[in-house]
Protein backbone atom coordinates (compact mmCIF):
# COMPACT_ATOMS: atom_id res chain seq x y z
CA MET A 1 0.03 0.06 0.07
CA GLY A 2 2.84 2.38 -0.84
CA ASP A 3 5.04 1.58 2.25
CA THR A 4 8.59 2.11 1.13
CA THR A 5 10.31 0.56 4.31
CA PRO A 6 12.96 -2.05 3.06
CA GLU A 7 12.32 -5.61 4.26
CA SER A 8 14.96 -7.08 6.69
CA SER A 9 16.98 -9.87 5.29
CA GLY A 10 18.00 -11.06 8.79
CA PRO A 11 16.40 -13.42 11.11
CA PRO A 12 13.27 -12.18 12.96
CA PRO A 13 13.59 -10.54 16.32
CA GLN A 14 13.27 -12.75 19.32
CA VAL A 15 10.32 -11.21 20.86
CA MET A 16 8.65 -12.46 23.97
CA GLN A 17 5.04 -11.04 24.59
CA GLN A 18 2.45 -11.69 27.44
CA ASP A 19 -1.36 -11.44 26.84
CA ASN A 20 -1.04 -7.70 27.46
CA PRO A 21 0.02 -6.19 24.22
CA THR A 22 1.56 -3.22 25.86
CA PHE A 23 4.18 -5.63 27.43
CA SER A 24 6.85 -6.96 25.15
CA PHE A 25 10.63 -6.76 24.62
CA VAL A 26 13.30 -8.33 22.43
CA VAL A 27 15.50 -10.95 23.93
CA PRO A 28 19.15 -9.67 23.49
CA THR A 29 21.43 -11.40 21.08
CA GLU A 30 24.99 -11.29 20.31
CA PHE A 31 27.41 -12.57 17.55
CA VAL A 32 30.09 -14.93 18.61
CA GLU A 33 33.33 -15.22 16.69
CA LEU A 34 34.01 -18.73 15.29
CA PRO A 35 37.47 -19.97 15.70
CA SER A 36 37.12 -22.14 12.49
CA GLN A 37 35.83 -19.02 10.69
CA GLY A 38 33.55 -21.37 8.93
CA LYS A 39 36.36 -22.79 6.86
CA PHE A 40 35.90 -26.32 8.03
CA TYR A 41 32.23 -27.02 7.33
CA ILE A 42 31.07 -28.48 4.14
CA GLU A 43 29.16 -26.65 1.53
CA GLY A 44 25.51 -26.72 2.34
CA HIS A 45 26.23 -26.40 6.27
CA PRO A 46 24.73 -23.17 7.66
CA LEU A 47 27.94 -22.10 8.85
CA HIS A 48 29.95 -22.87 5.60
CA ASN A 49 32.40 -20.02 5.45
CA GLU A 50 30.65 -17.93 8.24
CA GLU A 51 32.92 -16.08 10.57
CA SER A 52 30.38 -15.70 13.35
CA ILE A 53 27.11 -17.27 14.96
CA GLU A 54 24.32 -15.47 16.48
CA ILE A 55 23.04 -16.58 19.92
CA ARG A 56 20.34 -15.44 22.46
CA HIS A 57 21.57 -14.42 25.84
CA MET A 58 20.63 -16.92 28.44
CA THR A 59 17.35 -16.68 30.42
CA ALA A 60 15.73 -18.38 33.46
CA LYS A 61 14.55 -21.06 31.03
CA GLU A 62 18.11 -22.00 30.02
CA GLU A 63 19.01 -22.01 33.85
CA ASP A 64 16.21 -24.64 34.34
CA LEU A 65 18.01 -26.61 31.64
CA LEU A 66 21.28 -26.37 33.36
CA THR A 67 19.79 -27.39 36.90
CA SER A 68 17.65 -30.17 35.51
CA ARG A 69 18.62 -33.32 37.28
CA THR A 70 17.43 -35.52 34.35
CA LEU A 71 19.32 -33.64 31.80
CA LEU A 72 22.40 -33.72 33.98
CA LYS A 73 22.24 -37.29 34.55
CA LYS A 74 21.85 -37.95 30.90
CA GLY A 75 24.70 -35.57 30.16
CA ILE A 76 22.74 -33.46 27.58
CA ALA A 77 22.18 -30.28 29.76
CA ILE A 78 24.72 -28.18 27.71
CA GLU A 79 23.40 -29.64 24.32
CA ARG A 80 19.84 -28.53 25.17
CA LEU A 81 21.27 -25.09 26.32
CA LEU A 82 23.09 -24.70 22.80
CA LYS A 83 20.06 -25.77 21.04
CA ASN A 84 17.95 -23.02 22.93
CA ILE A 85 20.29 -20.10 22.39
CA ILE A 86 21.47 -20.69 18.73
CA VAL A 87 19.13 -18.37 16.80
CA ASN A 88 19.33 -20.24 13.55
CA ARG A 89 17.21 -23.30 14.15
CA ALA A 90 18.94 -25.10 11.07
CA ILE A 91 22.19 -25.37 12.95
CA ASP A 92 22.55 -28.81 14.72
CA PRO A 93 24.66 -28.25 17.72
CA TYR A 94 26.11 -31.74 17.50
CA SER A 95 27.56 -30.83 14.05
CA LEU A 96 29.59 -27.93 15.45
CA LEU A 97 33.36 -28.14 15.74
CA VAL A 98 34.51 -28.67 19.25
CA GLY A 99 36.41 -25.18 19.12
CA ASP A 100 33.28 -23.43 17.92
CA ARG A 101 31.07 -25.02 20.51
CA ASN A 102 33.51 -23.97 23.31
CA ALA A 103 33.36 -20.31 21.87
CA ILE A 104 29.52 -20.49 22.17
CA ILE A 105 29.55 -21.80 25.60
CA ILE A 106 31.96 -19.29 26.82
CA ALA A 107 30.01 -16.52 25.38
CA ALA A 108 26.73 -17.83 26.99
CA ARG A 109 28.43 -18.24 30.38
CA THR A 110 29.70 -14.63 30.12
CA SER A 111 26.44 -12.96 29.16
CA GLY A 112 24.75 -15.18 31.98
CA TYR A 113 26.77 -14.97 34.80
CA GLY A 114 29.73 -12.26 34.09
CA ASN A 115 33.19 -12.55 32.89
CA ILE A 116 34.75 -13.44 36.20
CA TYR A 117 34.90 -17.15 36.76
CA THR A 118 35.93 -18.42 40.37
CA THR A 119 36.77 -22.06 40.97
CA GLN A 120 39.04 -24.36 43.15
CA ILE A 121 42.51 -24.66 41.84
CA THR A 122 45.37 -27.04 43.27
CA CYS A 123 48.92 -25.33 43.08
CA PRO A 124 51.10 -27.59 40.96
CA ALA A 125 53.99 -26.55 42.98
CA CYS A 126 52.70 -26.84 46.71
CA SER A 127 49.56 -28.80 46.20
CA ALA A 128 47.48 -26.31 48.23
CA SER A 129 43.77 -26.04 47.29
CA GLN A 130 42.43 -22.30 46.81
CA GLU A 131 39.78 -20.32 45.20
CA TYR A 132 41.13 -18.55 42.25
CA SER A 133 39.23 -16.17 39.73
CA PHE A 134 39.87 -16.05 36.10
CA ASP A 135 38.70 -13.41 33.73
CA LEU A 136 36.93 -15.03 30.48
CA ASN A 137 37.09 -11.70 28.82
CA GLU A 138 40.78 -12.42 28.45
CA ALA A 139 40.24 -15.41 26.21
CA SER A 140 41.57 -15.25 23.00
CA VAL A 141 40.62 -17.14 19.48
CA TYR A 142 43.01 -19.42 18.17
CA THR A 143 42.50 -20.17 14.39
CA GLY A 144 45.07 -23.16 14.04
CA GLU A 145 47.91 -20.88 12.45
CA ARG A 146 50.78 -22.69 14.18
CA ALA A 147 49.88 -26.04 12.49
CA SER A 148 52.74 -25.44 10.07
CA GLU A 149 55.21 -25.78 13.02
CA MET A 150 54.61 -29.55 12.83
CA ASP A 151 54.31 -29.66 8.91
CA VAL A 152 50.71 -30.15 8.97
CA THR A 153 49.11 -29.79 5.52
CA ALA A 154 45.53 -29.17 4.56
CA THR A 155 43.77 -31.42 1.93
CA ASP A 156 41.16 -30.46 -0.64
CA ASP A 157 38.37 -32.33 1.48
CA GLY A 158 39.00 -30.58 4.76
CA THR A 159 41.28 -33.08 6.47
CA TYR A 160 44.90 -32.80 7.26
CA GLU A 161 48.20 -34.86 6.60
CA VAL A 162 51.08 -35.31 9.00
CA TRP A 163 54.19 -37.36 9.09
CA LEU A 164 54.71 -39.77 11.99
CA PRO A 165 58.52 -39.60 12.86
CA ARG A 166 58.80 -43.05 14.44
CA LEU A 167 56.69 -45.11 12.12
CA GLU A 168 57.83 -42.95 9.00
CA THR A 169 54.10 -43.09 8.07
CA ASN A 170 51.86 -40.45 6.57
CA VAL A 171 48.50 -40.21 8.16
CA VAL A 172 45.44 -38.22 7.51
CA PHE A 173 43.20 -36.80 10.32
CA ARG A 174 40.02 -34.72 10.69
CA LEU A 175 38.70 -32.15 13.34
CA LEU A 176 36.40 -33.61 15.65
CA THR A 177 32.68 -32.21 16.15
CA GLY A 178 30.02 -32.50 18.90
CA TYR A 179 28.96 -35.99 17.61
CA ASP A 180 32.47 -37.25 18.44
CA GLU A 181 32.59 -35.65 21.74
CA LYS A 182 29.27 -37.58 22.40
CA LYS A 183 30.72 -40.79 21.48
CA LEU A 184 34.03 -40.26 23.40
CA THR A 185 31.95 -39.37 26.58
CA GLY A 186 29.78 -42.59 26.06
CA ASN A 187 32.82 -44.59 25.56
CA THR A 188 34.37 -43.07 28.75
CA LYS A 189 31.36 -44.14 30.82
CA GLN A 190 31.22 -47.57 29.37
CA ALA A 191 34.93 -48.03 30.04
CA ARG A 192 34.47 -46.80 33.75
CA ALA A 193 31.91 -49.53 34.07
CA ASN A 194 34.12 -52.25 32.76
CA LEU A 195 37.12 -51.00 34.68
CA THR A 196 38.99 -50.28 31.57
CA ASP A 197 39.90 -46.94 29.79
CA HIS A 198 40.54 -46.55 26.14
CA ALA A 199 40.32 -42.71 26.04
CA ILE A 200 43.53 -42.12 23.96
CA THR A 201 42.87 -44.92 21.38
CA THR A 202 39.32 -43.95 21.06
CA GLN A 203 40.19 -40.39 20.34
CA LEU A 204 42.84 -41.46 17.77
CA SER A 205 40.35 -43.74 16.03
CA ASN A 206 37.81 -40.87 15.67
CA MET A 207 40.54 -38.61 14.32
CA LEU A 208 42.30 -40.88 11.80
CA VAL A 209 40.62 -41.35 8.40
CA GLY A 210 43.77 -42.33 6.41
CA VAL A 211 47.21 -43.96 6.29
CA ASN A 212 49.70 -44.20 3.46
CA GLY A 213 46.78 -43.65 1.04
CA SER A 214 44.31 -46.20 2.55
CA THR A 215 41.14 -45.42 4.36
CA ASP A 216 40.51 -49.16 5.15
CA PRO A 217 39.25 -49.39 8.80
CA LYS A 218 41.18 -52.31 9.47
CA MET A 219 44.33 -50.73 8.57
CA LEU A 220 43.43 -47.59 10.84
CA LYS A 221 42.49 -49.96 13.71
CA LEU A 222 45.75 -51.79 13.24
CA LEU A 223 47.72 -48.43 13.21
CA VAL A 224 45.91 -47.15 16.30
CA GLU A 225 46.53 -50.31 18.37
CA ASN A 226 50.23 -50.54 17.42
CA MET A 227 51.32 -46.76 17.24
CA PRO A 228 54.30 -45.98 19.19
CA SER A 229 53.52 -43.63 22.26
CA ALA A 230 55.91 -40.93 20.88
CA ASP A 231 53.99 -41.00 17.39
CA ALA A 232 50.64 -40.98 19.37
CA ARG A 233 51.77 -37.90 21.35
CA TYR A 234 53.09 -36.34 18.41
CA LEU A 235 49.77 -36.83 16.50
CA ARG A 236 47.63 -35.40 19.38
CA GLN A 237 50.01 -32.27 19.44
CA ALA A 238 49.60 -31.80 15.73
CA TYR A 239 45.78 -32.10 16.13
CA LYS A 240 45.97 -29.41 19.01
CA LEU A 241 47.82 -27.04 16.83
CA THR A 242 45.66 -27.61 13.96
CA SER A 243 42.23 -27.39 15.71
CA PRO A 244 40.73 -23.90 15.92
CA ASN A 245 39.71 -23.18 19.53
CA VAL A 246 39.33 -20.54 22.25
CA ASP A 247 42.58 -20.08 24.14
CA LEU A 248 41.82 -19.92 27.95
CA THR A 249 45.43 -19.82 29.06
CA GLN A 250 45.90 -17.44 31.95
CA LEU A 251 48.48 -16.69 34.68
CA PHE A 252 48.07 -18.32 37.95
CA ALA A 253 49.55 -17.11 41.08
CA CYS A 254 49.53 -19.33 44.29
CA GLN A 255 48.40 -17.62 47.34
CA GLU A 256 50.33 -19.94 49.57
CA CYS A 257 53.91 -20.28 48.03
CA ASP A 258 53.78 -17.40 45.32
CA HIS A 259 54.33 -19.92 42.63
CA GLU A 260 53.25 -18.58 39.21
CA GLN A 261 52.71 -20.24 35.74
CA GLU A 262 50.54 -20.05 32.76
CA MET A 263 47.53 -22.41 33.22
CA GLU A 264 44.70 -23.37 31.11
CA VAL A 265 41.39 -22.33 32.87
CA PRO A 266 39.70 -25.61 34.02
CA LEU A 267 36.11 -25.68 33.23
CA THR A 268 34.64 -27.53 36.05
CA ALA A 269 31.13 -27.62 37.54
CA ASP A 270 31.42 -24.13 38.82
CA PHE A 271 31.57 -22.84 35.16
CA PHE A 272 27.84 -22.88 34.62
CA TRP A 273 26.85 -23.49 38.31
CA PRO A 274 28.67 -20.65 40.16
CA ASP A 275 26.18 -20.68 43.24
CA ARG A 276 25.95 -24.49 43.60
């Protein structure tokens, strides 16, 4: 009818409204920088080549999820949180790379409970246990630029090649997603029930997709089971330098012995439950 107001190309605003039409407000959102910069998602994924993701700020509804005994027991409280706060409903939280998931979780915690994170720390020098506060605003985004230090090379299909020095073997690995984390967590619980722990070999099995040009699962299983510890450690380090993530390394200063060292901020139960 002659309205010349341009249509918005962005997602619809997240409006919450009660029966009273005079009471309404827009739920705050923010854009979180993705450590992956969207480079590692296949074409067709909603985050393909996207450098950021829009999330809603946490509300009392999300706090209900984080305190639900049922969800906590099933180990899916964080997944429900991610599903609720990601604005684009087409994005499957499990499909996100681990580093991108971490970035979203840290941003959600900061908006919900503030940037100061206080938790119990055991001093590596004197073993004294103490409360220590970290500033989440000091976290930095790591995009995997140091992978070249270990001669890691990218392939055309989004995987990576690296040479294992002891076995003198070329292997191909991929970056892990939320689905892989879920599988690793499930295997860990099963291992504890069976009084065995295969965390390292399970991680390697999920990472590796090729060896000397072969993708045969039997060959990969044989490699994992017979890989020298030095090569296994080398591969895990190569993966760490390749994987985009949020760097939470900060200075820790012991209140008892004055020992100081750089320490990765531990994400304990206090992270989302500061008053529990």
